[in-house]
C-alpha atoms as a PDB file:
ATOM      1  CA  MET A   1     128.268  36.450  86.484  1.00  0.00           C
ATOM      2  CA  THR A   2     128.893  37.752  89.960  1.00  0.00           C
ATOM      3  CA  PRO A   3     128.596  41.444  90.802  1.00  0.00           C
ATOM      4  CA  GLU A   4     132.280  41.391  91.763  1.00  0.00           C
ATOM      5  CA  ALA A   5     133.254  40.064  88.311  1.00  0.00           C
ATOM      6  CA  THR A   6     131.099  42.712  86.643  1.00  0.00           C
ATOM      7  CA  ASN A   7     132.631  45.471  88.783  1.00  0.00           C
ATOM      8  CA  ARG A   8     136.142  44.255  88.013  1.00  0.00           C
ATOM      9  CA  GLY A   9     135.329  44.189  84.299  1.00  0.00           C
ATOM     10  CA  SER A  10     133.875  47.719  84.463  1.00  0.00           C
ATOM     11  CA  ARG A  11     136.980  49.052  86.241  1.00  0.00           C
ATOM     12  CA  TRP A  12     139.183  47.376  83.619  1.00  0.00           C
ATOM     13  CA  LEU A  13     137.230  49.102  80.838  1.00  0.00           C
ATOM     14  CA  HIS A  14     137.508  52.428  82.670  1.00  0.00           C
ATOM     15  CA  LYS A  15     141.294  51.963  82.862  1.00  0.00           C
ATOM     16  CA  GLY A  16     141.325  51.766  79.056  1.00  0.00           C
ATOM     17  CA  GLY A  17     138.986  54.724  78.658  1.00  0.00           C
ATOM     18  CA  LEU A  18     136.303  52.549  77.080  1.00  0.00           C
ATOM     19  CA  ARG A  19     132.573  53.160  77.359  1.00  0.00           C
ATOM     20  CA  PRO A  20     131.042  50.316  79.425  1.00  0.00           C
ATOM     21  CA  THR A  21     128.424  48.924  77.037  1.00  0.00           C
ATOM     22  CA  ARG A  22     126.525  45.815  78.133  1.00  0.00           C
ATOM     23  CA  GLN A  23     128.501  43.585  75.783  1.00  0.00           C
ATOM     24  CA  ARG A  24     131.882  45.068  76.700  1.00  0.00           C
ATOM     25  CA  VAL A  25     131.167  44.694  80.414  1.00  0.00           C
ATOM     26  CA  ALA A  26     130.037  41.083  79.924  1.00  0.00           C
ATOM     27  CA  LEU A  27     133.169  40.167  77.930  1.00  0.00           C
ATOM     28  CA  ALA A  28     135.452  42.097  80.298  1.00  0.00           C
ATOM     29  CA  ALA A  29     133.942  40.266  83.276  1.00  0.00           C
ATOM     30  CA  LEU A  30     134.705  36.937  81.585  1.00  0.00           C
ATOM     31  CA  LEU A  31     138.270  38.045  80.886  1.00  0.00           C
ATOM     32  CA  VAL A  32     139.275  39.671  84.192  1.00  0.00           C
ATOM     33  CA  GLY A  33     136.346  39.121  86.546  1.00  0.00           C
ATOM     34  CA  ASP A  34     138.168  36.648  88.764  1.00  0.00           C
ATOM     35  CA  GLY A  35     141.373  38.705  88.899  1.00  0.00           C
ATOM     36  CA  GLN A  36     143.342  36.195  86.812  1.00  0.00           C
ATOM     37  CA  ASN A  37     144.982  36.857  83.449  1.00  0.00           C
ATOM     38  CA  ARG A  38     143.650  35.049  80.405  1.00  0.00           C
ATOM     39  CA  HIS A  39     144.844  33.942  76.976  1.00  0.00           C
ATOM     40  CA  VAL A  40     141.824  33.598  74.706  1.00  0.00           C
ATOM     41  CA  THR A  41     140.917  33.371  71.070  1.00  0.00           C
ATOM     42  CA  ALA A  42     137.853  35.165  69.778  1.00  0.00           C
ATOM     43  CA  GLU A  43     136.212  31.771  69.352  1.00  0.00           C
ATOM     44  CA  SER A  44     136.966  30.622  72.909  1.00  0.00           C
ATOM     45  CA  LEU A  45     135.690  33.904  74.380  1.00  0.00           C
ATOM     46  CA  TYR A  46     132.547  33.630  72.242  1.00  0.00           C
ATOM     47  CA  ALA A  47     131.953  30.080  73.518  1.00  0.00           C
ATOM     48  CA  SER A  48     132.488  31.223  77.105  1.00  0.00           C
ATOM     49  CA  ALA A  49     130.033  34.087  76.651  1.00  0.00           C
ATOM     50  CA  MET A  50     127.397  31.788  75.206  1.00  0.00           C
ATOM     51  CA  SER A  51     127.832  29.193  77.960  1.00  0.00           C
ATOM     52  CA  ASN A  52     127.507  31.966  80.563  1.00  0.00           C
ATOM     53  CA  GLY A  53     124.232  33.215  79.108  1.00  0.00           C
ATOM     54  CA  GLN A  54     125.729  36.325  77.503  1.00  0.00           C
ATOM     55  CA  PRO A  55     124.336  36.418  73.961  1.00  0.00           C
ATOM     56  CA  VAL A  56     126.815  38.128  71.666  1.00  0.00           C
ATOM     57  CA  SER A  57     127.819  37.588  68.043  1.00  0.00           C
ATOM     58  CA  LEU A  58     131.255  36.327  67.065  1.00  0.00           C
ATOM     59  CA  ALA A  59     131.751  39.525  65.046  1.00  0.00           C
ATOM     60  CA  THR A  60     131.073  41.582  68.187  1.00  0.00           C
ATOM     61  CA  VAL A  61     133.633  39.507  70.096  1.00  0.00           C
ATOM     62  CA  TYR A  62     136.259  40.181  67.402  1.00  0.00           C
ATOM     63  CA  ASN A  63     135.441  43.911  67.362  1.00  0.00           C
ATOM     64  CA  THR A  64     135.483  44.113  71.153  1.00  0.00           C
ATOM     65  CA  LEU A  65     138.829  42.330  71.445  1.00  0.00           C
ATOM     66  CA  ARG A  66     140.244  44.776  68.877  1.00  0.00           C
ATOM     67  CA  ALA A  67     138.880  47.712  70.929  1.00  0.00           C
ATOM     68  CA  PHE A  68     140.475  46.259  74.091  1.00  0.00           C
ATOM     69  CA  CYS A  69     143.834  46.001  72.300  1.00  0.00           C
ATOM     70  CA  ASP A  70     143.542  49.492  70.842  1.00  0.00           C
ATOM     71  CA  ALA A  71     142.783  50.823  74.350  1.00  0.00           C
ATOM     72  CA  GLY A  72     145.979  49.218  75.675  1.00  0.00           C
ATOM     73  CA  ILE A  73     144.326  46.879  78.187  1.00  0.00           C
ATOM     74  CA  MET A  74     144.979  43.689  76.231  1.00  0.00           C
ATOM     75  CA  GLN A  75     147.570  42.515  73.734  1.00  0.00           C
ATOM     76  CA  GLU A  76     147.332  40.352  70.648  1.00  0.00           C
ATOM     77  CA  ILE A  77     149.763  37.473  70.182  1.00  0.00           C
ATOM     78  CA  THR A  78     149.874  35.993  66.686  1.00  0.00           C
ATOM     79  CA  VAL A  79     150.960  32.395  66.191  1.00  0.00           C
ATOM     80  CA  ASP A  80     151.690  31.040  62.697  1.00  0.00           C
ATOM     81  CA  GLY A  81     150.756  34.380  61.149  1.00  0.00           C
ATOM     82  CA  SER A  82     147.082  33.455  61.157  1.00  0.00           C
ATOM     83  CA  LYS A  83     145.948  32.437  64.652  1.00  0.00           C
ATOM     84  CA  SER A  84     145.477  35.284  67.133  1.00  0.00           C
ATOM     85  CA  TYR A  85     145.406  34.954  70.894  1.00  0.00           C
ATOM     86  CA  PHE A  86     144.530  37.802  73.205  1.00  0.00           C
ATOM     87  CA  ASP A  87     146.323  38.250  76.523  1.00  0.00           C
ATOM     88  CA  THR A  88     145.147  40.354  79.465  1.00  0.00           C
ATOM     89  CA  ASN A  89     148.670  40.387  80.942  1.00  0.00           C
ATOM     90  CA  MET A  90     150.201  43.583  79.587  1.00  0.00           C
ATOM     91  CA  HIS A  91     153.686  43.078  81.035  1.00  0.00           C
ATOM     92  CA  ASP A  92     156.403  42.020  78.602  1.00  0.00           C
ATOM     93  CA  HIS A  93     156.708  38.257  78.874  1.00  0.00           C
ATOM     94  CA  PRO A  94     157.302  35.222  76.645  1.00  0.00           C
ATOM     95  CA  HIS A  95     154.712  32.582  75.837  1.00  0.00           C
ATOM     96  CA  PHE A  96     154.590  28.826  75.398  1.00  0.00           C
ATOM     97  CA  PHE A  97     152.443  27.632  72.496  1.00  0.00           C
ATOM     98  CA  TRP A  98     151.323  24.043  73.004  1.00  0.00           C
ATOM     99  CA  GLU A  99     151.071  22.585  69.499  1.00  0.00           C
ATOM    100  CA  GLU A 100     148.884  19.578  70.372  1.00  0.00           C
ATOM    101  CA  ASP A 101     145.943  21.528  71.747  1.00  0.00           C
ATOM    102  CA  GLY A 102     146.644  25.022  70.415  1.00  0.00           C
ATOM    103  CA  THR A 103     146.806  26.726  73.802  1.00  0.00           C
ATOM    104  CA  LEU A 104     148.977  29.655  74.778  1.00  0.00           C
ATOM    105  CA  THR A 105     150.392  30.025  78.287  1.00  0.00           C
ATOM    106  CA  ASP A 106     152.825  32.382  79.973  1.00  0.00           C
ATOM    107  CA  ALA A 107     156.464  31.316  80.052  1.00  0.00           C
ATOM    108  CA  PRO A 108     158.711  32.428  82.922  1.00  0.00           C
ATOM    109  CA  ALA A 109     160.140  35.804  81.895  1.00  0.00           C
ATOM    110  CA  ASP A 110     162.980  35.581  84.405  1.00  0.00           C
ATOM    111  CA  GLU A 111     164.344  32.514  82.578  1.00  0.00           C
ATOM    112  CA  LEU A 112     164.483  34.214  79.173  1.00  0.00           C
ATOM    113  CA  GLU A 113     167.705  35.877  78.150  1.00  0.00           C
ATOM    114  CA  ILE A 114     168.000  37.788  74.891  1.00  0.00           C
ATOM    115  CA  THR A 115     171.546  39.038  74.635  1.00  0.00           C
ATOM    116  CA  ARG A 116     171.479  40.653  71.214  1.00  0.00           C
ATOM    117  CA  LEU A 117     169.028  41.713  68.544  1.00  0.00           C
ATOM    118  CA  PRO A 118     169.810  42.475  64.924  1.00  0.00           C
ATOM    119  CA  ASN A 119     170.099  46.143  64.080  1.00  0.00           C
ATOM    120  CA  ALA A 120     166.862  47.685  62.876  1.00  0.00           C
ATOM    121  CA  PRO A 121     166.874  48.879  59.267  1.00  0.00           C
ATOM    122  CA  ALA A 122     167.628  52.548  58.610  1.00  0.00           C
ATOM    123  CA  GLY A 123     164.752  54.766  59.684  1.00  0.00           C
ATOM    124  CA  ALA A 124     163.247  52.158  62.024  1.00  0.00           C
ATOM    125  CA  GLU A 125     163.509  51.197  65.668  1.00  0.00           C
ATOM    126  CA  VAL A 126     162.573  48.049  67.563  1.00  0.00           C
ATOM    127  CA  SER A 127     159.317  48.723  69.391  1.00  0.00           C
ATOM    128  CA  LYS A 128     158.735  45.294  70.921  1.00  0.00           C
ATOM    129  CA  VAL A 129     159.970  41.715  70.795  1.00  0.00           C
ATOM    130  CA  ASP A 130     157.391  38.928  71.011  1.00  0.00           C
ATOM    131  CA  VAL A 131     158.695  35.516  72.030  1.00  0.00           C
ATOM    132  CA  VAL A 132     156.549  32.452  71.387  1.00  0.00           C
ATOM    133  CA  ILE A 133     158.176  29.136  72.256  1.00  0.00           C
ATOM    134  CA  ARG A 134     156.484  26.215  70.519  1.00  0.00           C
ATOM    135  CA  LEU A 135     156.164  23.031  72.548  1.00  0.00           C
ATOM    136  CA  ARG A 136     155.021  19.488  71.922  1.00  0.00           C
ATOM    137  CA  ARG A 137     154.720  16.693  74.425  1.00  0.00           C
ATOM    138  CA  ARG A 138     157.059  13.711  74.157  1.00  0.00           C
END
């Protein structure tokens, strides 16, 4: 990992108020080190860490991703109620889920139009709307 990627990862952790442990910095550098947003699963981030010579357990990856979400620097997107993806782009935006290969990508937010939502039940309010558009190739 380059020093620039490590510095970017450390700044990202600082933004979330997280202590920069060796493992957090390594995973953060993989996620945001090149300045691009990422959609990852715990398994794909684990594989990336291992292939980049960053030994870390899968359990640590899961715990670290949860800490990143809790700190507000990453969001979790759930597909099918069981598969979680983690997104470094914290702006509200829809996603495309590609069924054939199980990847998640950003969809153009400016092309999405939600004109009406159902009323929330008594005593509740809508806090967020997640939009996942499932795609398959023809």
